[in-house]
């Protein structure tokens, strides 16, 4: 996980201008219903794996005291710009500590799929539980094996072609190993090289009828533009069984419910899984030892 998340430095600026706002907008409705609307005014909220801070800005605007933790220094630099007023900390989601407890915590955009197994995931859950006050809420989304097996087929899923740069994301997943990755390809046009034929191609996912054609164009981009600077990065991900995730949450002291972004109780292969967890009071040390 450490290498995967610290590698976000390499495309932090581009992520913030492209996927960051879209992912945040997609998750904010759920976050407001299942977390923010349930917290008292001015409550302390932790954004775990906060990235470039796009989700912290609306929380600050609502008057919450927000802290963000991330392993990418460049993402935190952008978070300072996007969410001024948030307390930011460089750290690992599996091992962190805050002196004052939070009323709520969130971990969005399937960040926890970078955690390699359930034992490591339990470390995250223990750290979050310790950071929450009794009855505090923890909300996160995660991609699950059935969803990844269906949709992560090694085909380009998102991207953009502009006059001076292009980027694409290609997810893949091996169900037999419960492992995969999403590949990020970044292209920069060198000075003097011609712009892509056909002018600008932006916001590829906004035009459903042209989506397949445009994504195929991205898949062939490297071959058609060999003179452009090209960098490829793989970000490993892991598929965690939902019952195993729920069991680890309960083991560390959470009451757990599972639903979709739309609020449905049944999570299918077309849905990311959203966990809504409430921290039970921690047992006193003497009672826990007994």
Protein backbone atom coordinates (compact mmCIF):
# COMPACT_ATOMS: atom_id res chain seq x y z
CA UNK A 1 0.00 0.00 0.00
CA UNK A 2 2.74 2.46 0.89
CA UNK A 3 4.23 2.47 -2.60
CA UNK A 4 0.86 2.52 -4.33
CA UNK A 5 -0.41 5.57 -2.50
CA UNK A 6 2.84 7.50 -2.46
CA UNK A 7 2.96 7.01 -6.25
CA UNK A 8 -0.08 9.25 -6.47
CA UNK A 9 2.46 12.08 -6.35
CA UNK A 10 3.21 11.37 -10.01
CA UNK A 11 -0.25 12.36 -11.23
CA UNK A 12 -1.68 14.37 -8.34
CA UNK A 13 -2.14 17.58 -10.35
CA UNK A 14 -3.85 15.85 -13.25
CA UNK A 15 -6.03 13.75 -10.95
CA UNK A 16 -7.17 16.87 -9.17
CA UNK A 17 -8.19 18.54 -12.43
CA UNK A 18 -9.97 15.51 -13.89
CA UNK A 19 -11.14 12.60 -11.74
CA UNK A 20 -10.99 14.30 -8.34
CA UNK A 21 -13.98 16.63 -8.81
CA UNK A 22 -16.08 13.95 -10.53
CA UNK A 23 -15.46 11.31 -7.85
CA UNK A 24 -16.18 13.79 -5.07
CA UNK A 25 -19.45 14.94 -6.64
CA UNK A 26 -20.52 11.32 -7.09
CA UNK A 27 -20.00 10.50 -3.41
CA UNK A 28 -21.16 13.71 -1.72
CA UNK A 29 -24.88 12.94 -1.75
CA UNK A 30 -24.35 9.65 0.03
CA UNK A 31 -21.87 11.21 2.44
CA UNK A 32 -24.30 13.97 3.35
CA UNK A 33 -27.19 11.57 3.98
CA UNK A 34 -25.30 8.89 5.87
CA UNK A 35 -22.71 10.93 7.76
CA UNK A 36 -22.82 14.73 7.70
CA UNK A 37 -26.55 15.13 8.31
CA UNK A 38 -26.21 12.93 11.40
CA UNK A 39 -23.44 14.94 13.04
CA UNK A 40 -23.85 17.91 15.38
CA UNK A 41 -22.94 21.37 14.12
CA UNK A 42 -19.22 22.03 14.21
CA UNK A 43 -18.32 18.36 14.76
CA UNK A 44 -14.81 17.09 14.06
CA UNK A 45 -14.60 14.97 10.88
CA UNK A 46 -11.67 12.92 9.59
CA UNK A 47 -11.16 12.42 5.85
CA UNK A 48 -8.96 9.33 5.63
CA UNK A 49 -6.95 9.08 2.38
CA UNK A 50 -8.19 12.60 1.66
CA UNK A 51 -6.36 12.98 -1.65
CA UNK A 52 -6.51 16.47 -3.10
CA UNK A 53 -9.14 17.60 -0.61
CA UNK A 54 -12.14 17.89 -2.93
CA UNK A 55 -14.48 16.29 -0.39
CA UNK A 56 -13.17 18.34 2.51
CA UNK A 57 -14.13 21.69 0.97
CA UNK A 58 -17.93 21.16 1.21
CA UNK A 59 -17.53 19.77 4.73
CA UNK A 60 -15.68 22.91 5.77
CA UNK A 61 -18.38 25.01 4.10
CA UNK A 62 -20.94 23.33 6.36
CA UNK A 63 -18.99 24.38 9.43
CA UNK A 64 -17.34 21.09 10.35
CA UNK A 65 -13.81 20.98 11.75
CA UNK A 66 -12.09 18.78 9.18
CA UNK A 67 -8.79 16.90 9.30
CA UNK A 68 -7.31 15.09 6.31
CA UNK A 69 -4.72 12.31 6.29
CA UNK A 70 -2.97 11.01 3.17
CA UNK A 71 0.24 9.25 2.21
CA UNK A 72 0.90 11.40 -0.87
CA UNK A 73 2.70 14.66 -0.14
CA UNK A 74 1.65 16.15 -3.48
CA UNK A 75 -1.99 15.29 -2.86
CA UNK A 76 -1.75 17.07 0.49
CA UNK A 77 -0.23 20.11 -1.20
CA UNK A 78 -3.28 20.27 -3.44
CA UNK A 79 -5.60 19.65 -0.48
CA UNK A 80 -4.15 22.73 1.21
CA UNK A 81 -5.18 24.72 -1.86
CA UNK A 82 -8.61 23.13 -2.34
CA UNK A 83 -9.65 22.98 1.31
CA UNK A 84 -8.00 25.87 3.17
CA UNK A 85 -8.80 25.58 6.83
CA UNK A 86 -8.51 21.80 7.00
CA UNK A 87 -5.87 20.32 9.28
CA UNK A 88 -3.69 18.14 7.07
CA UNK A 89 -1.39 15.33 8.09
CA UNK A 90 0.98 13.07 6.13
CA UNK A 91 0.50 9.50 7.30
CA UNK A 92 -0.51 5.88 6.76
CA UNK A 93 -4.17 4.86 7.15
CA UNK A 94 -3.06 1.69 8.96
CA UNK A 95 -1.18 3.49 11.69
CA UNK A 96 -2.26 6.94 12.84
CA UNK A 97 -3.32 8.65 16.05
CA UNK A 98 -5.08 11.89 16.93
CA UNK A 99 -5.25 13.34 20.43
CA UNK A 100 -8.86 14.56 20.18
CA UNK A 101 -11.63 12.21 19.00
CA UNK A 102 -13.73 12.69 15.87
CA UNK A 103 -17.51 12.48 15.61
CA UNK A 104 -17.22 11.05 12.10
CA UNK A 105 -14.76 9.67 9.58
CA UNK A 106 -14.93 9.03 5.84
CA UNK A 107 -12.72 7.15 3.38
CA UNK A 108 -13.91 7.63 -0.20
CA UNK A 109 -13.11 6.67 -3.80
CA UNK A 110 -12.37 3.02 -2.94
CA UNK A 111 -9.06 4.01 -1.34
CA UNK A 112 -9.12 0.93 0.88
CA UNK A 113 -8.81 -1.36 -2.13
CA UNK A 114 -5.11 -0.49 -2.02
CA UNK A 115 -4.87 -2.41 1.27
CA UNK A 116 -3.49 -5.84 0.47
CA UNK A 117 -5.49 -8.16 2.76
CA UNK A 118 -8.06 -8.35 5.55
CA UNK A 119 -5.43 -8.34 8.30
CA UNK A 120 -4.06 -5.04 7.03
CA UNK A 121 -7.59 -3.75 6.59
CA UNK A 122 -8.32 -4.56 10.23
CA UNK A 123 -5.39 -2.35 11.20
CA UNK A 124 -7.10 0.53 9.42
CA UNK A 125 -10.39 -0.19 11.17
CA UNK A 126 -8.72 -0.34 14.59
CA UNK A 127 -7.01 3.01 13.99
CA UNK A 128 -10.30 4.59 12.89
CA UNK A 129 -12.20 3.15 15.86
CA UNK A 130 -9.57 4.53 18.22
CA UNK A 131 -9.87 7.95 16.57
CA UNK A 132 -13.67 8.11 16.97
CA UNK A 133 -15.69 9.10 19.98
CA UNK A 134 -18.18 6.55 21.35
CA UNK A 135 -21.03 6.33 18.85
CA UNK A 136 -18.96 7.99 16.13
CA UNK A 137 -19.70 7.19 12.50
CA UNK A 138 -17.34 5.77 9.87
CA UNK A 139 -18.46 5.73 6.22
CA UNK A 140 -16.46 4.32 3.33
CA UNK A 141 -16.92 2.80 -0.11
CA UNK A 142 -15.01 -0.13 -1.55
CA UNK A 143 -14.93 -2.09 -4.80
CA UNK A 144 -15.76 -5.75 -4.23
CA UNK A 145 -14.74 -8.95 -6.07
CA UNK A 146 -17.98 -9.51 -8.03
CA UNK A 147 -18.01 -5.93 -9.24
CA UNK A 148 -14.32 -5.96 -10.20
CA UNK A 149 -14.58 -9.33 -11.98
CA UNK A 150 -17.42 -7.97 -14.13
CA UNK A 151 -16.11 -4.52 -14.96
CA UNK A 152 -12.31 -4.59 -14.62
CA UNK A 153 -11.63 -6.35 -17.92
CA UNK A 154 -8.43 -4.66 -19.07
CA UNK A 155 -10.19 -2.14 -21.32
CA UNK A 156 -9.77 1.63 -21.09
CA UNK A 157 -12.51 2.97 -18.82
CA UNK A 158 -11.85 6.71 -18.65
CA UNK A 159 -9.60 9.36 -20.09
CA UNK A 160 -9.16 12.52 -22.05
CA UNK A 161 -7.30 13.80 -25.08
CA UNK A 162 -6.40 17.50 -25.10
CA UNK A 163 -4.14 19.65 -27.29
CA UNK A 164 -1.03 19.18 -25.14
CA UNK A 165 -1.75 16.11 -23.00
CA UNK A 166 -3.75 12.91 -22.77
CA UNK A 167 -4.46 10.40 -20.05
CA UNK A 168 -6.31 7.14 -19.64
CA UNK A 169 -7.19 4.63 -16.93
CA UNK A 170 -7.36 0.91 -17.65
CA UNK A 171 -8.52 -1.39 -14.80
CA UNK A 172 -7.87 -5.13 -14.68
CA UNK A 173 -8.64 -7.81 -12.11
CA UNK A 174 -7.74 -11.49 -11.67
CA UNK A 175 -10.53 -13.16 -9.63
CA UNK A 176 -8.46 -16.27 -8.91
CA UNK A 177 -5.90 -14.13 -7.04
CA UNK A 178 -8.30 -11.42 -5.83
CA UNK A 179 -5.74 -8.95 -7.18
CA UNK A 180 -5.66 -6.37 -9.90
CA UNK A 181 -4.51 -2.89 -10.76
CA UNK A 182 -5.54 0.18 -12.62
CA UNK A 183 -3.03 1.42 -15.13
CA UNK A 184 -2.66 5.15 -15.65
CA UNK A 185 -1.12 6.30 -18.92
CA UNK A 186 0.01 9.93 -19.11
CA UNK A 187 1.04 11.60 -22.37
CA UNK A 188 2.61 15.02 -22.90
CA UNK A 189 3.02 16.63 -26.32
CA UNK A 190 6.59 17.78 -26.89
CA UNK A 191 7.23 21.24 -28.23
CA UNK A 192 6.80 21.34 -31.97
CA UNK A 193 4.80 18.12 -32.26
CA UNK A 194 1.40 18.35 -33.96
CA UNK A 195 -1.77 18.37 -31.87
CA UNK A 196 -4.00 15.28 -32.06
CA UNK A 197 -6.09 15.03 -35.20
CA UNK A 198 -9.69 16.01 -34.75
CA UNK A 199 -9.10 18.80 -32.25
CA UNK A 200 -9.81 18.54 -28.57
CA UNK A 201 -11.56 15.51 -27.12
CA UNK A 202 -12.56 16.35 -23.56
CA UNK A 203 -14.86 14.87 -20.93
CA UNK A 204 -15.06 11.51 -22.64
CA UNK A 205 -17.73 10.15 -20.36
CA UNK A 206 -20.19 13.00 -20.97
CA UNK A 207 -21.28 11.76 -24.41
CA UNK A 208 -22.59 8.20 -24.06
CA UNK A 209 -23.08 7.56 -27.78
CA UNK A 210 -19.46 8.49 -28.58
CA UNK A 211 -17.94 6.89 -25.48
CA UNK A 212 -16.81 3.60 -27.00
CA UNK A 213 -15.24 5.25 -30.04
CA UNK A 214 -13.42 7.80 -27.93
CA UNK A 215 -12.10 5.20 -25.50
CA UNK A 216 -10.84 3.06 -28.40
CA UNK A 217 -9.03 6.15 -29.67
CA UNK A 218 -7.30 6.42 -26.32
CA UNK A 219 -6.28 2.76 -26.39
CA UNK A 220 -4.48 3.40 -29.68
CA UNK A 221 -3.00 6.72 -28.59
CA UNK A 222 0.54 5.49 -27.85
CA UNK A 223 0.86 3.81 -31.24
CA UNK A 224 -0.48 6.84 -33.09
CA UNK A 225 1.64 9.38 -31.19
CA UNK A 226 5.04 7.73 -30.60
CA UNK A 227 6.73 11.14 -30.36
CA UNK A 228 4.73 12.16 -27.28
CA UNK A 229 6.30 11.70 -23.84
CA UNK A 230 4.61 8.70 -22.23
CA UNK A 231 4.57 7.52 -18.63
CA UNK A 232 2.65 4.45 -17.44
CA UNK A 233 1.93 3.64 -13.79
CA UNK A 234 0.24 0.66 -12.18
CA UNK A 235 -1.69 1.10 -8.93
CA UNK A 236 -2.25 -2.32 -7.32
CA UNK A 237 -5.67 -3.09 -5.87
CA UNK A 238 -7.13 -6.03 -3.97
CA UNK A 239 -10.63 -7.48 -3.89
CA UNK A 240 -11.90 -7.94 -0.34
CA UNK A 241 -14.93 -10.19 0.30
CA UNK A 242 -17.73 -8.08 1.75
CA UNK A 243 -18.55 -10.57 4.50
CA UNK A 244 -14.89 -10.58 5.52
CA UNK A 245 -14.79 -6.78 5.61
CA UNK A 246 -17.94 -6.69 7.76
CA UNK A 247 -16.53 -9.31 10.13
CA UNK A 248 -13.32 -7.33 10.67
CA UNK A 249 -15.30 -4.14 11.31
CA UNK A 250 -17.45 -5.90 13.89
CA UNK A 251 -14.39 -7.48 15.51
CA UNK A 252 -12.82 -4.11 16.26
CA UNK A 253 -16.03 -2.62 17.67
CA UNK A 254 -18.30 -1.32 14.91
CA UNK A 255 -21.97 -1.94 14.26
CA UNK A 256 -22.18 -2.30 10.50
CA UNK A 257 -24.67 -1.76 7.69
CA UNK A 258 -23.96 -2.28 3.99
CA UNK A 259 -25.66 -0.53 1.07
CA UNK A 260 -25.13 1.07 -2.33
CA UNK A 261 -24.50 4.72 -3.15
CA UNK A 262 -28.18 5.02 -4.00
CA UNK A 263 -29.11 3.70 -0.55
CA UNK A 264 -30.28 0.23 -1.61
CA UNK A 265 -29.60 -2.57 0.82
CA UNK A 266 -28.57 -5.18 -1.74
CA UNK A 267 -25.13 -4.70 -3.31
CA UNK A 268 -24.79 -6.26 -6.76
CA UNK A 269 -22.04 -6.63 -9.35
CA UNK A 270 -22.82 -3.19 -10.78
CA UNK A 271 -22.50 -1.42 -7.41
CA UNK A 272 -19.66 -0.23 -5.25
CA UNK A 273 -20.22 -1.29 -1.64
CA UNK A 274 -20.79 1.42 0.95
CA UNK A 275 -20.28 0.63 4.62
CA UNK A 276 -21.91 2.74 7.32
CA UNK A 277 -20.40 1.91 10.72
CA UNK A 278 -21.08 3.15 14.24
CA UNK A 279 -18.38 2.79 16.89
CA UNK A 280 -19.43 0.86 19.95
CA UNK A 281 -17.83 2.06 23.19
CA UNK A 282 -14.39 0.56 23.70
CA UNK A 283 -14.15 -1.88 26.59
CA UNK A 284 -12.02 -0.83 29.57
CA UNK A 285 -8.68 -2.62 29.49
CA UNK A 286 -9.46 -4.78 32.55
CA UNK A 287 -12.77 -5.98 31.06
CA UNK A 288 -11.19 -6.62 27.67
CA UNK A 289 -8.49 -8.77 29.29
CA UNK A 290 -11.13 -10.86 31.06
